[in-house]
Amino acid sequence: MTLPEFHNPSAAQVDELRQLFREKLEKDAAKVPVGGFHQHDLKWVFEGDVWLTKFLENNDVNMKDSLKQLWETMEWRKQSGINDIREDNIRMEYINDALMYPRGRDLDGKTVFIFKSKLYVRGTRNLDDLKKCFLYWIERIIREANDDLVTIVFDLTDTGLSNVDMDYTKYIINTFKNYYPCSLNYILIYDLPWILNATFQLIKRLLPAKAVDRLKNISSKNIREYIDEDNMPRSWGGNDDYVFQFVPEGRRMMELPLMQNGVPNGILSKKVHFANLSPPDSPMLDDKMSTSFPEHSDGEMLRINPQNIITFSKAGNDFVGSVEITNVDSKDVSYKVKTTAPDKFRVRPSTGVLQPSASVTINVILQHGNTIQTLNREKFLVMCIGLTHEISNNPQELVELWKTISAKSASVEQHRLKCALPVMFDESGLESVFGASSNAGSDQYSAMGASYIGSGTIGLSVDKQMAMVQQTIAHLNETTHRLETQTKRNHRFQWVTCVLFILLAVAIVYILKVEIQSNASQYCSTNGGHH
């Protein structure tokens, strides 16, 4: 499977989609829901470019698919009354229970939307009301952020099977997938219990490729790569001691986002993270921001082998990829390697200096605890700069140089590399579906998973796999309930046994006492007769 290509729609393509929508609106007027589309939504189609840009991006500038999704979104918003969802027509007790709420910003300045999964127990709340609360928050966040991106954090701390509702989860995923395209900055899964790993893998398969690239499994160890401590709750190890308290919205009509070079500001701000690079200097904007993806096999300073790609293979318990870089310049060259997923890989050596004609093999090792399912969606960047008499080759000074130099500098040469899996680990394989995780509990998961997910699941549709997981969860719940019932029954039996034992002991003592008294009376009577 190849990496998904992203496209930045031109102004002409945005205008073309708008015109196609206008023509369809006139042609299929009879198919428009009663009362017509909402005025707010029509304004965003005919007076702004943000919506249209997102639909085109999501469908790789395919006009037919973009128009279809845009039309279906307009219908859904009208039929669901999205623009009419307010605080006076939703279940405010669900809101005040703090199951979900926005709080703080991520490192990119995007609103963080937190789901407290442990507060939700399947079957205890009305699902339709819960969906409406979710829509209220999403629409409110979009209004207040002026249609900027949002980062969702699913906090799975202390969650178990009873906190998993696949219907609700599937609804959230499909809502973003179908009606809010290209609106997510990140989807962060915090503190995932091993028992929910199978569910997590299936959720990943429900997501479109663009969303999977932004799905990150995080913990207290690496959450600071996405959210700083001041925006992080204390329960995650941060400084924010905020306790949720609902504040009514000062509702207003959204302003159309300003345009910058013909592109909405919110779109330009979407960047792929590279460790230790500030967002403005990030050398690799999200692919959707460029019409082409320049890849170099031979540059003026470095030659890369193999060209443009790192192929991973199994080496013992690790997945390892390697690439050789050669200095083809006449002067010394300093290089540095970065990745879109610094928490996922160990790169050795990541920096260094090459003399003319010298080569070095860079090994990339997949960190334990990470799955290989989306390995072929990650990217690497090899940057290099020629060392002249103005630039020292002192290691410490080079470290400082790479911290300060702009990746966009004309003196920096860039080589972008994609990742590839060996053929034996394509997406139809078991390893790709459930990952090659070696984290704590994976052996337990494998033992448990083998009882219900074997090779027979390979190639099954997502719906069938989800049905199997739901069936398994139901079976586990039933087994748990049965064990709990049996334990309670055993406790009751033990109490009854103790009571019977005490009664029996009292009865025995009483009988012995009566017997002793009877014998004593007979003894006294006998002795009195002898006298």
Protein backbone atom coordinates (compact mmCIF):
# COMPACT_ATOMS: atom_id res chain seq x y z
CA MET A 1 0.00 0.00 0.00
CA THR A 2 1.41 3.40 -1.00
CA LEU A 3 1.31 6.58 1.00
CA PRO A 4 -1.78 8.69 0.42
CA GLU A 5 -1.12 11.67 -1.82
CA PHE A 6 -2.44 15.05 -0.76
CA HIS A 7 -3.36 17.91 -3.04
CA ASN A 8 -3.78 21.61 -2.46
CA PRO A 9 -6.80 22.76 -4.48
CA SER A 10 -6.29 25.84 -6.58
CA ALA A 11 -8.62 28.84 -6.49
CA ALA A 12 -9.96 27.77 -9.90
CA GLN A 13 -10.80 24.29 -8.58
CA VAL A 14 -12.59 25.78 -5.56
CA ASP A 15 -14.64 27.99 -7.89
CA GLU A 16 -15.40 25.00 -10.09
CA LEU A 17 -16.77 23.00 -7.13
CA ARG A 18 -18.86 26.00 -6.07
CA GLN A 19 -20.30 26.30 -9.58
CA LEU A 20 -21.06 22.56 -9.73
CA PHE A 21 -22.91 22.84 -6.43
CA ARG A 22 -24.87 25.84 -7.70
CA GLU A 23 -25.88 23.91 -10.85
CA LYS A 24 -26.89 20.86 -8.82
CA LEU A 25 -28.88 23.06 -6.47
CA GLU A 26 -30.85 24.45 -9.43
CA LYS A 27 -31.21 21.10 -11.18
CA ASP A 28 -32.16 19.03 -8.11
CA ALA A 29 -34.19 21.64 -6.27
CA ALA A 30 -36.93 19.08 -5.69
CA LYS A 31 -34.47 16.86 -3.81
CA VAL A 32 -33.50 19.55 -1.33
CA PRO A 33 -34.93 18.89 2.17
CA VAL A 34 -38.09 20.76 3.07
CA GLY A 35 -37.31 24.39 3.83
CA GLY A 36 -34.07 24.32 1.86
CA PHE A 37 -30.51 24.18 3.12
CA HIS A 38 -29.66 26.33 6.13
CA GLN A 39 -28.66 29.90 5.35
CA HIS A 40 -25.46 29.58 7.39
CA ASP A 41 -24.33 26.55 5.40
CA LEU A 42 -25.15 28.18 2.06
CA LYS A 43 -23.11 31.22 3.08
CA TRP A 44 -20.10 29.02 3.71
CA VAL A 45 -20.46 27.46 0.26
CA PHE A 46 -21.03 30.63 -1.76
CA GLU A 47 -19.06 33.23 0.19
CA GLY A 48 -16.08 31.32 1.61
CA ASP A 49 -13.48 28.84 0.41
CA VAL A 50 -12.75 26.90 3.62
CA TRP A 51 -15.43 24.24 3.30
CA LEU A 52 -14.88 23.70 -0.40
CA THR A 53 -11.13 23.47 0.09
CA LYS A 54 -11.55 20.80 2.77
CA PHE A 55 -13.90 18.68 0.66
CA LEU A 56 -11.55 18.89 -2.32
CA GLU A 57 -8.55 17.98 -0.17
CA ASN A 58 -10.38 15.06 1.36
CA ASN A 59 -11.22 13.67 -2.08
CA ASP A 60 -7.86 14.44 -3.72
CA VAL A 61 -9.44 17.15 -5.90
CA ASN A 62 -11.86 14.67 -7.45
CA MET A 63 -14.77 16.97 -8.41
CA LYS A 64 -17.41 14.27 -8.56
CA ASP A 65 -16.58 12.81 -5.15
CA SER A 66 -16.14 16.26 -3.58
CA LEU A 67 -19.53 17.43 -4.84
CA LYS A 68 -21.17 14.23 -3.62
CA GLN A 69 -19.71 14.56 -0.11
CA LEU A 70 -20.52 18.29 0.06
CA TRP A 71 -24.14 17.68 -0.98
CA GLU A 72 -24.55 14.79 1.49
CA THR A 73 -23.10 16.98 4.26
CA MET A 74 -25.55 19.77 3.48
CA GLU A 75 -28.43 17.26 3.60
CA TRP A 76 -27.20 15.77 6.87
CA ARG A 77 -26.80 19.15 8.51
CA LYS A 78 -30.32 20.18 7.48
CA GLN A 79 -32.01 16.90 8.47
CA SER A 80 -30.11 16.71 11.77
CA GLY A 81 -30.78 20.35 12.62
CA ILE A 82 -27.09 20.95 13.25
CA ASN A 83 -27.36 24.74 13.22
CA ASP A 84 -30.22 24.61 15.73
CA ILE A 85 -28.46 22.56 18.40
CA ARG A 86 -28.25 24.78 21.49
CA GLU A 87 -27.92 24.51 25.23
CA ASP A 88 -31.69 24.65 25.67
CA ASN A 89 -32.37 21.53 23.58
CA ILE A 90 -29.66 19.11 24.73
CA ARG A 91 -29.28 16.95 27.86
CA MET A 92 -27.37 19.38 30.05
CA GLU A 93 -26.84 16.76 32.75
CA TYR A 94 -24.68 14.88 30.23
CA ILE A 95 -22.73 18.08 29.58
CA ASN A 96 -22.29 18.79 33.30
CA ASP A 97 -21.09 15.23 33.91
CA ALA A 98 -17.92 16.26 32.03
CA LEU A 99 -17.90 13.20 29.78
CA MET A 100 -16.42 15.44 27.09
CA TYR A 101 -15.33 19.05 26.99
CA PRO A 102 -12.80 21.38 25.32
CA ARG A 103 -9.84 22.53 27.35
CA GLY A 104 -6.56 24.19 26.38
CA ARG A 105 -4.47 24.06 23.22
CA ASP A 106 -2.02 21.64 21.68
CA LEU A 107 1.48 22.64 20.56
CA ASP A 108 0.05 23.82 17.23
CA GLY A 109 -2.38 26.13 18.99
CA LYS A 110 -5.43 23.97 18.18
CA THR A 111 -8.30 23.43 20.61
CA VAL A 112 -8.06 20.20 22.62
CA PHE A 113 -11.32 18.25 22.97
CA ILE A 114 -11.15 15.70 25.82
CA PHE A 115 -13.20 12.50 26.17
CA LYS A 116 -13.18 11.00 29.67
CA SER A 117 -13.96 7.41 28.73
CA LYS A 118 -14.10 6.05 32.28
CA LEU A 119 -17.11 8.28 33.02
CA TYR A 120 -19.15 6.57 30.32
CA VAL A 121 -20.64 3.15 31.01
CA ARG A 122 -22.27 1.42 28.07
CA GLY A 123 -26.06 1.24 28.26
CA THR A 124 -26.48 3.77 31.09
CA ARG A 125 -27.23 6.81 28.91
CA ASN A 126 -29.49 7.62 25.98
CA LEU A 127 -27.31 7.24 22.90
CA ASP A 128 -29.22 9.78 20.78
CA ASP A 129 -28.88 12.44 23.49
CA LEU A 130 -25.20 11.61 23.85
CA LYS A 131 -24.68 12.06 20.09
CA LYS A 132 -26.40 15.43 20.24
CA CYS A 133 -24.10 16.56 23.05
CA PHE A 134 -21.10 15.53 20.95
CA LEU A 135 -22.41 17.57 17.99
CA TYR A 136 -23.03 20.56 20.27
CA TRP A 137 -19.41 20.58 21.40
CA ILE A 138 -17.96 20.07 17.90
CA GLU A 139 -20.05 22.86 16.41
CA ARG A 140 -19.25 25.16 19.32
CA ILE A 141 -15.51 24.47 19.04
CA ILE A 142 -15.64 25.15 15.30
CA ARG A 143 -17.53 28.40 15.84
CA GLU A 144 -15.18 29.63 18.55
CA ALA A 145 -12.05 28.56 16.66
CA ASN A 146 -13.37 30.02 13.38
CA ASP A 147 -13.31 26.61 11.66
CA ASP A 148 -9.72 25.88 12.67
CA LEU A 149 -8.56 22.34 13.37
CA VAL A 150 -9.28 20.45 16.58
CA THR A 151 -7.26 17.84 18.47
CA ILE A 152 -9.28 15.07 20.13
CA VAL A 153 -7.86 13.27 23.17
CA PHE A 154 -9.51 10.02 24.25
CA ASP A 155 -8.45 9.64 27.89
CA LEU A 156 -8.67 5.89 28.53
CA THR A 157 -7.23 5.98 32.05
CA ASP A 158 -8.89 3.33 34.25
CA THR A 159 -11.24 2.21 31.44
CA GLY A 160 -12.41 -1.33 30.86
CA LEU A 161 -14.72 -3.30 28.61
CA SER A 162 -17.83 -1.77 30.18
CA ASN A 163 -16.65 1.69 29.05
CA VAL A 164 -16.44 0.63 25.40
CA ASP A 165 -19.45 1.38 23.19
CA MET A 166 -18.59 0.53 19.61
CA ASP A 167 -21.83 2.06 18.29
CA TYR A 168 -20.99 5.43 19.82
CA THR A 169 -17.34 5.19 18.80
CA LYS A 170 -18.29 4.31 15.24
CA TYR A 171 -20.72 7.23 15.17
CA ILE A 172 -18.00 9.70 16.19
CA ILE A 173 -15.57 8.34 13.59
CA ASN A 174 -18.12 8.32 10.77
CA THR A 175 -19.28 11.84 11.65
CA PHE A 176 -15.79 13.25 11.25
CA LYS A 177 -15.08 11.06 8.25
CA ASN A 178 -18.22 12.00 6.32
CA TYR A 179 -19.24 15.46 7.49
CA TYR A 180 -16.18 17.20 8.95
CA PRO A 181 -13.40 16.36 6.47
CA CYS A 182 -9.86 17.53 7.17
CA SER A 183 -10.89 19.06 10.51
CA LEU A 184 -8.66 17.05 12.85
CA ASN A 185 -5.18 18.12 13.84
CA TYR A 186 -4.53 14.98 15.91
CA ILE A 187 -6.46 12.09 17.43
CA LEU A 188 -4.59 11.21 20.62
CA ILE A 189 -5.30 7.97 22.49
CA TYR A 190 -4.02 8.44 26.04
CA ASP A 191 -3.16 5.51 28.33
CA LEU A 192 -4.65 2.71 26.22
CA PRO A 193 -5.25 -0.46 28.31
CA TRP A 194 -3.92 -3.58 26.65
CA ILE A 195 -7.31 -5.25 26.86
CA LEU A 196 -8.68 -2.63 24.43
CA ASN A 197 -5.86 -3.02 21.90
CA ALA A 198 -7.98 -5.06 19.46
CA THR A 199 -10.72 -2.45 19.54
CA PHE A 200 -8.14 0.28 18.92
CA GLN A 201 -6.78 -1.52 15.87
CA LEU A 202 -10.26 -1.84 14.38
CA ILE A 203 -10.96 1.82 15.00
CA LYS A 204 -7.81 2.66 13.04
CA ARG A 205 -9.12 0.64 10.11
CA LEU A 206 -12.33 2.67 10.13
CA LEU A 207 -10.45 5.92 9.68
CA PRO A 208 -9.46 7.34 6.30
CA ALA A 209 -5.73 7.29 5.56
CA LYS A 210 -5.34 11.01 6.21
CA ALA A 211 -6.82 10.61 9.69
CA VAL A 212 -4.79 7.49 10.52
CA ASP A 213 -1.61 9.50 9.94
CA ARG A 214 -2.75 11.84 12.72
CA LEU A 215 -3.82 9.06 15.13
CA LYS A 216 -1.26 8.72 17.92
CA ASN A 217 -1.16 6.29 20.84
CA ILE A 218 0.37 8.31 23.66
CA SER A 219 1.21 8.03 27.34
CA SER A 220 2.69 10.22 30.07
CA LYS A 221 6.10 9.58 28.50
CA ASN A 222 5.47 11.27 25.16
CA ILE A 223 2.37 13.45 25.59
CA ARG A 224 4.59 16.54 25.79
CA GLU A 225 5.31 16.12 22.10
CA TYR A 226 1.73 17.22 21.45
CA ILE A 227 0.56 19.22 24.51
CA ASP A 228 2.71 21.33 26.82
CA GLU A 229 2.49 21.07 30.61
CA ASP A 230 0.55 24.32 31.05
CA ASN A 231 -2.25 22.95 28.84
CA MET A 232 -2.08 19.47 30.34
CA PRO A 233 -4.35 18.33 33.22
CA ARG A 234 -2.63 17.26 36.43
CA SER A 235 -3.95 13.74 35.90
CA TRP A 236 -1.68 13.59 32.83
CA GLY A 237 1.29 15.05 34.68
CA GLY A 238 0.70 18.68 33.72
CA ASN A 239 0.12 21.92 35.58
CA ASP A 240 -3.54 22.53 34.76
CA ASP A 241 -5.72 21.88 37.83
CA TYR A 242 -8.91 22.83 35.97
CA VAL A 243 -12.18 21.26 37.17
CA PHE A 244 -14.88 21.31 34.50
CA GLN A 245 -17.55 23.93 34.94
CA PHE A 246 -19.90 24.63 32.06
CA VAL A 247 -19.85 28.17 30.67
CA PRO A 248 -22.72 29.13 28.33
CA GLU A 249 -21.67 30.04 24.82
CA GLY A 250 -21.74 33.64 23.68
CA ARG A 251 -23.09 32.53 20.37
CA ARG A 252 -22.31 34.48 17.24
CA MET A 253 -22.18 33.81 13.54
CA MET A 254 -18.76 32.61 12.43
CA GLU A 255 -16.71 34.97 10.35
CA LEU A 256 -15.25 33.59 7.18
CA PRO A 257 -11.56 32.82 7.82
CA LEU A 258 -9.10 35.18 6.25
CA MET A 259 -7.28 33.99 3.16
CA GLN A 260 -3.53 33.93 2.78
CA ASN A 261 -2.17 33.49 -0.73
CA GLY A 262 -5.51 32.11 -1.78
CA VAL A 263 -5.52 29.47 0.98
CA PRO A 264 -7.46 29.67 4.29
CA ASN A 265 -5.22 30.43 7.26
CA GLY A 266 -6.49 27.38 9.14
CA ILE A 267 -5.34 25.14 6.31
CA LEU A 268 -1.87 26.65 6.08
CA SER A 269 -1.31 25.99 9.76
CA LYS A 270 -1.50 22.22 9.37
CA LYS A 271 2.06 20.94 9.69
CA VAL A 272 3.68 17.59 10.27
CA HIS A 273 5.83 17.60 13.42
CA PHE A 274 9.56 17.14 13.25
CA ALA A 275 11.44 16.97 16.52
CA ASN A 276 13.14 20.19 17.62
CA LEU A 277 11.85 22.22 14.66
CA SER A 278 9.60 25.18 15.23
CA PRO A 279 6.39 25.05 13.14
CA PRO A 280 7.27 28.01 10.86
CA ASP A 281 10.56 26.33 9.93
CA SER A 282 9.19 22.83 9.54
CA PRO A 283 10.86 21.49 6.39
CA MET A 284 7.92 19.32 5.43
CA LEU A 285 4.51 20.88 5.42
CA ASP A 286 1.65 18.41 5.35
CA ASP A 287 1.52 16.97 1.82
CA LYS A 288 -1.90 18.47 1.32
CA MET A 289 -0.13 21.85 1.29
CA SER A 290 1.89 21.25 -1.82
CA THR A 291 0.87 20.22 -5.28
CA SER A 292 4.01 18.13 -5.65
CA PHE A 293 6.13 16.07 -3.31
CA PRO A 294 9.73 16.56 -4.43
CA GLU A 295 11.89 13.57 -3.67
CA HIS A 296 15.59 13.45 -4.36
CA SER A 297 17.70 10.39 -5.00
CA ASP A 298 20.82 12.30 -5.98
CA GLY A 299 21.51 15.81 -4.77
CA GLU A 300 24.39 18.20 -5.09
CA MET A 301 25.86 16.99 -1.79
CA LEU A 302 24.32 13.59 -0.91
CA ARG A 303 23.43 10.40 -2.76
CA ILE A 304 20.76 8.23 -1.08
CA ASN A 305 20.60 4.44 -1.48
CA PRO A 306 18.02 2.96 -1.80
CA GLN A 307 16.38 5.85 -3.57
CA ASN A 308 13.46 7.61 -1.85
CA ILE A 309 12.42 4.72 0.38
CA ILE A 310 13.37 2.84 3.55
CA THR A 311 12.33 -0.81 3.55
CA PHE A 312 11.86 -2.47 6.94
CA SER A 313 12.49 -6.12 7.69
CA LYS A 314 12.36 -8.34 10.76
CA ALA A 315 15.68 -8.64 12.59
CA GLY A 316 15.26 -10.73 15.71
CA ASN A 317 12.55 -9.04 17.75
CA ASP A 318 12.94 -5.71 15.94
CA PHE A 319 11.82 -4.18 12.67
CA VAL A 320 14.80 -2.46 11.11
CA GLY A 321 15.24 -0.33 8.00
CA SER A 322 18.48 1.09 6.64
CA VAL A 323 19.59 3.65 4.11
CA GLU A 324 23.08 4.56 2.93
CA ILE A 325 24.05 8.16 2.35
CA THR A 326 27.19 9.17 0.44
CA ASN A 327 28.89 12.55 0.23
CA VAL A 328 29.23 13.33 -3.49
CA ASP A 329 30.49 16.86 -2.85
CA SER A 330 34.08 18.04 -2.81
CA LYS A 331 33.80 19.37 0.75
CA ASP A 332 32.77 17.96 4.11
CA VAL A 333 29.02 17.69 4.66
CA SER A 334 27.05 17.65 7.91
CA TYR A 335 23.79 15.68 7.86
CA LYS A 336 20.79 15.34 10.18
CA VAL A 337 17.87 12.86 10.00
CA LYS A 338 14.36 13.69 11.20
CA THR A 339 11.04 11.82 11.13
CA THR A 340 7.33 12.58 11.31
CA ALA A 341 7.10 10.17 14.28
CA PRO A 342 10.09 10.74 16.60
CA ASP A 343 8.45 8.68 19.36
CA LYS A 344 8.14 5.71 17.04
CA PHE A 345 11.70 5.23 15.77
CA ARG A 346 15.27 5.05 16.99
CA VAL A 347 17.67 6.46 14.37
CA ARG A 348 21.40 5.63 14.56
CA PRO A 349 23.35 7.71 13.72
CA SER A 350 20.94 10.62 13.38
CA THR A 351 23.64 13.26 12.80
CA GLY A 352 27.21 13.32 11.66
CA VAL A 353 29.84 14.64 9.26
CA LEU A 354 30.89 12.98 6.00
CA GLN A 355 34.14 13.69 4.23
CA PRO A 356 34.16 13.72 0.40
CA SER A 357 33.21 10.27 -1.06
CA ALA A 358 32.57 8.91 2.44
CA SER A 359 29.41 6.89 3.20
CA VAL A 360 27.44 5.95 6.29
CA THR A 361 24.60 3.49 6.83
CA ILE A 362 21.75 4.90 8.88
CA ASN A 363 19.70 2.30 10.75
CA VAL A 364 16.09 3.03 11.68
CA ILE A 365 14.60 0.76 14.36
CA LEU A 366 10.91 0.60 15.19
CA GLN A 367 10.59 1.17 18.94
CA HIS A 368 9.05 -1.65 20.98
CA GLY A 369 5.43 -1.02 21.78
CA ASN A 370 4.60 0.40 18.34
CA THR A 371 2.62 -1.43 15.70
CA ILE A 372 3.63 -1.81 12.05
CA GLN A 373 0.14 -1.21 10.69
CA THR A 374 0.82 2.38 9.60
CA LEU A 375 4.59 2.11 9.30
CA ASN A 376 4.40 2.68 5.55
CA ARG A 377 2.72 6.03 6.16
CA GLU A 378 5.62 7.55 8.07
CA LYS A 379 8.31 9.67 6.45
CA PHE A 380 11.92 10.63 7.03
CA LEU A 381 13.85 13.72 6.09
CA VAL A 382 17.61 13.78 5.52
CA MET A 383 19.00 17.30 5.63
CA CYS A 384 22.58 18.27 4.88
CA ILE A 385 24.72 21.38 4.71
CA GLY A 386 28.19 21.87 3.28
CA LEU A 387 30.93 22.75 5.75
CA THR A 388 33.00 25.74 4.68
CA HIS A 389 35.63 27.73 6.53
CA GLU A 390 32.78 29.80 8.02
CA ILE A 391 31.13 26.70 9.49
CA SER A 392 33.04 24.66 12.06
CA ASN A 393 32.88 20.87 12.12
CA ASN A 394 33.06 20.87 15.91
CA PRO A 395 30.28 18.48 17.08
CA GLN A 396 28.95 20.85 19.73
CA GLU A 397 28.87 23.77 17.32
CA LEU A 398 27.11 21.63 14.70
CA VAL A 399 24.44 20.73 17.26
CA GLU A 400 23.85 24.43 17.83
CA LEU A 401 23.88 25.05 14.08
CA TRP A 402 21.10 22.53 13.42
CA LYS A 403 19.06 24.08 16.23
CA THR A 404 19.25 27.56 14.77
CA ILE A 405 19.42 27.15 11.02
CA SER A 406 16.19 27.36 9.08
CA ALA A 407 15.28 24.19 7.19
CA LYS A 408 14.15 26.45 4.35
CA SER A 409 17.59 27.97 4.03
CA ALA A 410 19.01 27.81 0.53
CA SER A 411 22.17 26.21 1.95
CA VAL A 412 20.23 23.18 3.30
CA GLU A 413 19.68 20.24 0.94
CA GLN A 414 16.70 18.01 1.71
CA HIS A 415 15.95 14.40 0.81
CA ARG A 416 12.54 12.96 1.70
CA LEU A 417 12.13 9.24 2.25
CA LYS A 418 9.02 7.09 2.57
CA CYS A 419 8.78 3.86 4.56
CA ALA A 420 7.86 0.47 3.13
CA LEU A 421 7.05 -2.87 4.71
CA PRO A 422 8.36 -6.21 3.46
CA VAL A 423 5.85 -8.06 1.27
CA MET A 424 5.11 -10.61 3.98
CA PHE A 425 3.64 -7.85 6.14
CA ASP A 426 1.12 -6.27 3.83
CA GLU A 427 -2.21 -4.98 5.18
CA SER A 428 -3.98 -8.27 4.64
CA GLY A 429 -1.69 -9.97 7.15
CA LEU A 430 -2.35 -10.61 10.81
CA GLU A 431 0.69 -8.58 11.89
CA SER A 432 -0.68 -5.51 10.12
CA VAL A 433 -4.16 -5.88 11.55
CA PHE A 434 -3.18 -6.34 15.17
CA GLY A 435 0.34 -4.94 15.20
CA ALA A 436 3.65 -6.34 16.30
CA SER A 437 3.35 -4.86 19.74
CA SER A 438 5.79 -5.96 22.37
CA ASN A 439 4.44 -3.79 25.17
CA ALA A 440 3.51 -5.09 28.57
CA GLY A 441 0.49 -7.26 28.33
CA SER A 442 0.87 -8.08 24.64
CA ASP A 443 1.47 -11.73 25.41
CA GLN A 444 -1.68 -11.74 27.53
CA TYR A 445 -3.55 -10.02 24.72
CA SER A 446 -2.25 -12.51 22.17
CA ALA A 447 -3.31 -15.43 24.35
CA MET A 448 -6.75 -13.96 24.85
CA GLY A 449 -7.07 -12.75 21.25
CA ALA A 450 -6.21 -16.18 19.87
CA SER A 451 -9.44 -17.51 21.33
CA TYR A 452 -11.55 -15.31 19.10
CA ILE A 453 -9.34 -13.69 16.42
CA GLY A 454 -7.36 -16.14 14.40
CA SER A 455 -6.34 -16.32 10.78
CA GLY A 456 -10.00 -16.51 9.83
CA THR A 457 -10.36 -12.77 10.40
CA ILE A 458 -7.83 -11.90 7.76
CA GLY A 459 -9.60 -10.33 4.82
CA LEU A 460 -12.87 -9.84 6.66
CA SER A 461 -14.67 -6.55 6.23
CA VAL A 462 -14.36 -3.95 8.96
CA ASP A 463 -18.01 -4.38 9.89
CA LYS A 464 -17.55 -8.11 10.33
CA GLN A 465 -14.43 -7.61 12.43
CA MET A 466 -16.23 -5.05 14.56
CA ALA A 467 -19.12 -7.46 14.97
CA MET A 468 -16.65 -10.10 16.15
CA VAL A 469 -15.12 -7.71 18.67
CA GLN A 470 -18.55 -6.64 19.91
CA GLN A 471 -19.52 -10.29 20.24
CA THR A 472 -16.30 -10.98 22.12
CA ILE A 473 -16.81 -8.01 24.43
CA ALA A 474 -20.36 -9.19 25.10
CA HIS A 475 -19.04 -12.69 25.78
CA LEU A 476 -16.40 -11.35 28.17
CA ASN A 477 -18.99 -9.22 29.93
CA GLU A 478 -21.25 -12.23 30.23
CA THR A 479 -18.39 -14.32 31.59
CA THR A 480 -17.45 -11.58 34.05
CA HIS A 481 -21.05 -11.29 35.18
CA ARG A 482 -21.28 -15.04 35.59
CA LEU A 483 -18.09 -15.12 37.66
CA GLU A 484 -19.33 -12.25 39.81
CA THR A 485 -22.65 -14.06 40.37
CA GLN A 486 -20.84 -17.27 41.23
CA THR A 487 -18.54 -15.39 43.64
CA LYS A 488 -21.53 -13.80 45.38
CA ARG A 489 -23.22 -17.19 45.57
CA ASN A 490 -20.08 -18.67 47.10
CA HIS A 491 -19.97 -15.85 49.64
CA ARG A 492 -23.59 -16.46 50.59
CA PHE A 493 -22.92 -20.18 50.87
CA GLN A 494 -19.96 -19.48 53.14
CA TRP A 495 -22.08 -17.27 55.39
CA VAL A 496 -24.85 -19.85 55.54
CA THR A 497 -22.28 -22.53 56.33
CA CYS A 498 -20.82 -20.39 59.14
CA VAL A 499 -24.28 -19.74 60.60
CA LEU A 500 -25.17 -23.45 60.46
CA PHE A 501 -21.86 -24.33 62.05
CA ILE A 502 -22.49 -21.86 64.89
CA LEU A 503 -26.05 -23.16 65.37
CA LEU A 504 -24.77 -26.72 65.35
CA ALA A 505 -22.10 -25.84 67.91
CA VAL A 506 -24.69 -24.15 70.14
CA ALA A 507 -26.98 -27.16 69.79
CA ILE A 508 -24.17 -29.54 70.70
CA VAL A 509 -23.22 -27.42 73.71
CA TYR A 510 -26.87 -27.27 74.77
CA ILE A 511 -27.33 -31.03 74.40
CA LEU A 512 -24.13 -31.71 76.32
CA LYS A 513 -25.24 -29.32 79.04
CA VAL A 514 -28.67 -31.01 79.33
CA GLU A 515 -27.02 -34.41 79.34
CA ILE A 516 -24.61 -33.41 82.05
CA GLN A 517 -27.40 -31.97 84.19
CA SER A 518 -29.51 -35.10 83.67
CA ASN A 519 -26.63 -37.36 84.68
CA ALA A 520 -25.97 -35.19 87.73
CA SER A 521 -29.62 -35.46 88.83
CA GLN A 522 -29.62 -39.22 88.42
CA TYR A 523 -26.37 -39.46 90.41
CA CYS A 524 -27.82 -37.43 93.25
CA SER A 525 -31.01 -39.52 93.32
CA THR A 526 -29.07 -42.75 93.44
CA ASN A 527 -26.87 -41.62 96.31
CA GLY A 528 -29.90 -40.39 98.28
CA GLY A 529 -31.63 -43.79 97.98
CA HIS A 530 -28.61 -45.59 99.39
CA HIS A 531 -28.76 -43.49 102.57
